[in-house]
Structures are given as C-alpha cells and as structure tokens.
Amino acid sequence: MEATEILPIIAIVSVVTVEFGGHALLRFITTDREKLGEFRERFFRAGHAHAGVLLVLSLVYFLYLPRAGFSDGLEWLAGAALLAGVLAQSGGFFLHLAVGRQGARSPGTMLTRGGALLLAAALIALAVGLAAAA
C-alpha cells in the first residue's frame, strides 16, 4: 500500500483518541476540576486542541501529497514526518503537564518545539513539491 492510503487511516484513527481526550477534559472541568489545577488544565487544553487541529491539517496534507510528484519513499518520509510532528507537538504539552513546572522548560516543551520543526519541514517539503510540479 502507498503512504497516501495508510497514513490518512492512522490520522483518522488518531482523531478517535482526540475525541476520548475531549471526553476526559470535559470530565475534569465539570466534575474533577481540582484534580488538574489551573496549570495542568491549560496544558491539557493546549495539547488537546493542537492534536485535533493538526490531525485535520494532516488529512488535507494527504490529499495534496500525491500532487507533489514525490517518489514513494519521499511520500512516506514526508507523511511520517508530519504525523510524528503532530504527535510530538501535541504530546509535548501533555508531557509538560506531567513533569513540567510553571514558567520553566521541561522535556515536554522541548518535545513541543521539536514537533513544530517536524511539522514545518513536512509542510515546506510539500509546498516545494507542489511548486515544482506546477
């Protein structure tokens, strides 16, 4: 199977995990607010929101990826970089929620930044591919 057949399936299934996260967040803010606290709630919301938006972006990305004229290997690399970036950027917020402190860097903030770089690389690669194919 090709990257543009498998990777969108992974993205769609990942949306289900975001839905579960939305359910958990709703439970925390309606019945167990004291369990999170303000600091953790902010990072939970940020991680959840980034995951949802970026996964929707990935579905659009996978529609355009075949138009870039990349080889199969480069499609796999670009698509995997995009999904890894989504996971790293949103996951970093959750990691910071677990191990970080207010106003301080943590492995979570570094992971979030690394995810942003992966996302940027994948998006720029697609833009260059689309421009070259035009």
Protein backbone atom coordinates (compact mmCIF):
# COMPACT_ATOMS: atom_id res chain seq x y z
CA MET A 1 0.00 0.00 0.00
CA GLU A 2 1.04 3.58 -0.54
CA ALA A 3 1.72 6.28 2.02
CA THR A 4 -1.37 8.22 0.96
CA GLU A 5 -3.51 5.15 1.62
CA ILE A 6 -2.10 4.13 5.02
CA LEU A 7 -1.17 7.41 6.72
CA PRO A 8 -4.64 9.01 6.44
CA ILE A 9 -6.07 5.92 8.14
CA ILE A 10 -3.64 6.43 11.01
CA ALA A 11 -4.68 10.09 11.21
CA ILE A 12 -8.39 9.25 11.25
CA VAL A 13 -7.96 6.62 13.95
CA SER A 14 -5.91 9.15 15.91
CA VAL A 15 -8.88 11.54 15.82
CA VAL A 16 -10.72 8.95 17.94
CA THR A 17 -8.05 9.33 20.62
CA VAL A 18 -8.55 13.10 20.50
CA GLU A 19 -12.28 12.53 20.99
CA PHE A 20 -11.51 10.40 24.05
CA GLY A 21 -9.24 13.19 25.28
CA GLY A 22 -12.11 15.65 24.84
CA HIS A 23 -14.31 13.41 26.96
CA ALA A 24 -11.62 13.23 29.65
CA LEU A 25 -11.12 17.01 29.58
CA LEU A 26 -14.85 17.58 29.88
CA ARG A 27 -15.00 15.26 32.87
CA PHE A 28 -12.08 17.03 34.53
CA ILE A 29 -13.51 20.52 34.08
CA THR A 30 -17.06 19.58 35.07
CA THR A 31 -16.63 17.10 37.92
CA ASP A 32 -12.96 16.75 38.90
CA ARG A 33 -11.52 20.23 38.34
CA GLU A 34 -9.40 20.07 41.49
CA LYS A 35 -7.50 17.04 40.11
CA LEU A 36 -5.89 19.08 37.34
CA GLY A 37 -5.48 22.57 38.70
CA GLU A 38 -5.16 25.67 36.53
CA PHE A 39 -1.62 24.95 35.26
CA ARG A 40 -2.35 21.38 34.17
CA GLU A 41 -5.74 22.30 32.73
CA ARG A 42 -4.11 24.89 30.44
CA PHE A 43 -1.63 22.36 29.08
CA PHE A 44 -4.30 19.67 28.73
CA ARG A 45 -6.40 22.08 26.67
CA ALA A 46 -3.41 23.13 24.55
CA GLY A 47 -2.35 19.55 23.84
CA HIS A 48 -5.89 18.50 23.03
CA ALA A 49 -6.54 21.47 20.73
CA HIS A 50 -3.24 21.12 18.88
CA ALA A 51 -3.81 17.41 18.32
CA GLY A 52 -7.28 17.95 16.86
CA VAL A 53 -6.38 20.84 14.58
CA LEU A 54 -3.14 19.28 13.37
CA LEU A 55 -4.77 15.94 12.61
CA VAL A 56 -7.36 17.70 10.47
CA LEU A 57 -4.48 19.53 8.76
CA SER A 58 -2.85 16.16 8.11
CA LEU A 59 -5.94 14.92 6.27
CA VAL A 60 -5.71 17.90 3.92
CA TYR A 61 -1.96 17.32 3.60
CA PHE A 62 -2.53 13.73 2.47
CA LEU A 63 -4.92 14.92 -0.24
CA TYR A 64 -2.23 17.16 -1.70
CA LEU A 65 0.76 14.85 -1.18
CA PRO A 66 0.24 12.82 -4.39
CA ARG A 67 0.20 16.06 -6.42
CA ALA A 68 3.75 16.92 -5.32
CA GLY A 69 5.28 14.31 -7.62
CA PHE A 70 7.40 12.74 -4.86
CA SER A 71 8.76 9.21 -5.05
CA ASP A 72 7.05 6.62 -2.86
CA GLY A 73 9.88 6.82 -0.34
CA LEU A 74 9.70 10.59 -0.13
CA GLU A 75 5.91 10.45 0.31
CA TRP A 76 6.40 8.05 3.22
CA LEU A 77 9.10 10.26 4.72
CA ALA A 78 7.10 13.49 4.38
CA GLY A 79 3.88 11.91 5.67
CA ALA A 80 5.61 10.20 8.58
CA ALA A 81 7.39 13.45 9.49
CA LEU A 82 4.06 15.23 9.51
CA LEU A 83 2.37 12.67 11.77
CA ALA A 84 5.43 12.48 14.04
CA GLY A 85 5.33 16.27 14.28
CA VAL A 86 1.64 16.20 15.22
CA LEU A 87 2.32 13.61 17.90
CA ALA A 88 5.39 15.40 19.23
CA GLN A 89 3.91 18.89 19.27
CA SER A 90 0.66 17.93 20.97
CA GLY A 91 2.28 15.23 23.10
CA GLY A 92 4.80 17.73 24.41
CA PHE A 93 2.02 19.70 26.05
CA PHE A 94 0.86 16.55 27.85
CA LEU A 95 4.42 15.66 28.86
CA HIS A 96 4.88 19.17 30.28
CA LEU A 97 1.59 18.76 32.11
CA ALA A 98 3.00 15.62 33.75
CA VAL A 99 6.59 16.66 34.53
CA GLY A 100 6.86 20.41 33.96
CA ARG A 101 6.63 23.35 36.29
CA GLN A 102 5.04 26.75 35.88
CA GLY A 103 7.33 29.13 33.99
CA ALA A 104 10.11 26.57 33.43
CA ARG A 105 11.30 24.48 30.50
CA SER A 106 10.85 20.75 30.56
CA PRO A 107 11.28 17.77 28.25
CA GLY A 108 7.68 18.49 27.23
CA THR A 109 8.44 21.99 25.98
CA MET A 110 11.44 20.64 24.05
CA LEU A 111 9.26 17.92 22.51
CA THR A 112 6.66 20.50 21.50
CA ARG A 113 9.33 22.60 19.79
CA GLY A 114 10.77 19.54 18.05
CA GLY A 115 7.30 18.65 16.81
CA ALA A 116 6.88 22.15 15.41
CA LEU A 117 10.13 21.75 13.47
CA LEU A 118 8.99 18.41 12.03
CA LEU A 119 5.67 19.94 11.03
CA ALA A 120 7.41 22.89 9.39
CA ALA A 121 9.78 20.59 7.48
CA ALA A 122 6.91 18.43 6.21
CA LEU A 123 4.84 21.45 5.18
CA ILE A 124 7.74 23.15 3.43
CA ALA A 125 8.59 19.91 1.63
CA LEU A 126 5.02 19.66 0.36
CA ALA A 127 4.99 23.31 -0.72
CA VAL A 128 8.25 22.86 -2.63
CA GLY A 129 6.96 19.66 -4.23
CA LEU A 130 3.73 21.29 -5.28
CA ALA A 131 5.57 24.31 -6.68
CA ALA A 132 7.95 22.10 -8.64
CA ALA A 133 5.08 20.02 -10.02
CA ALA A 134 3.13 23.09 -11.13
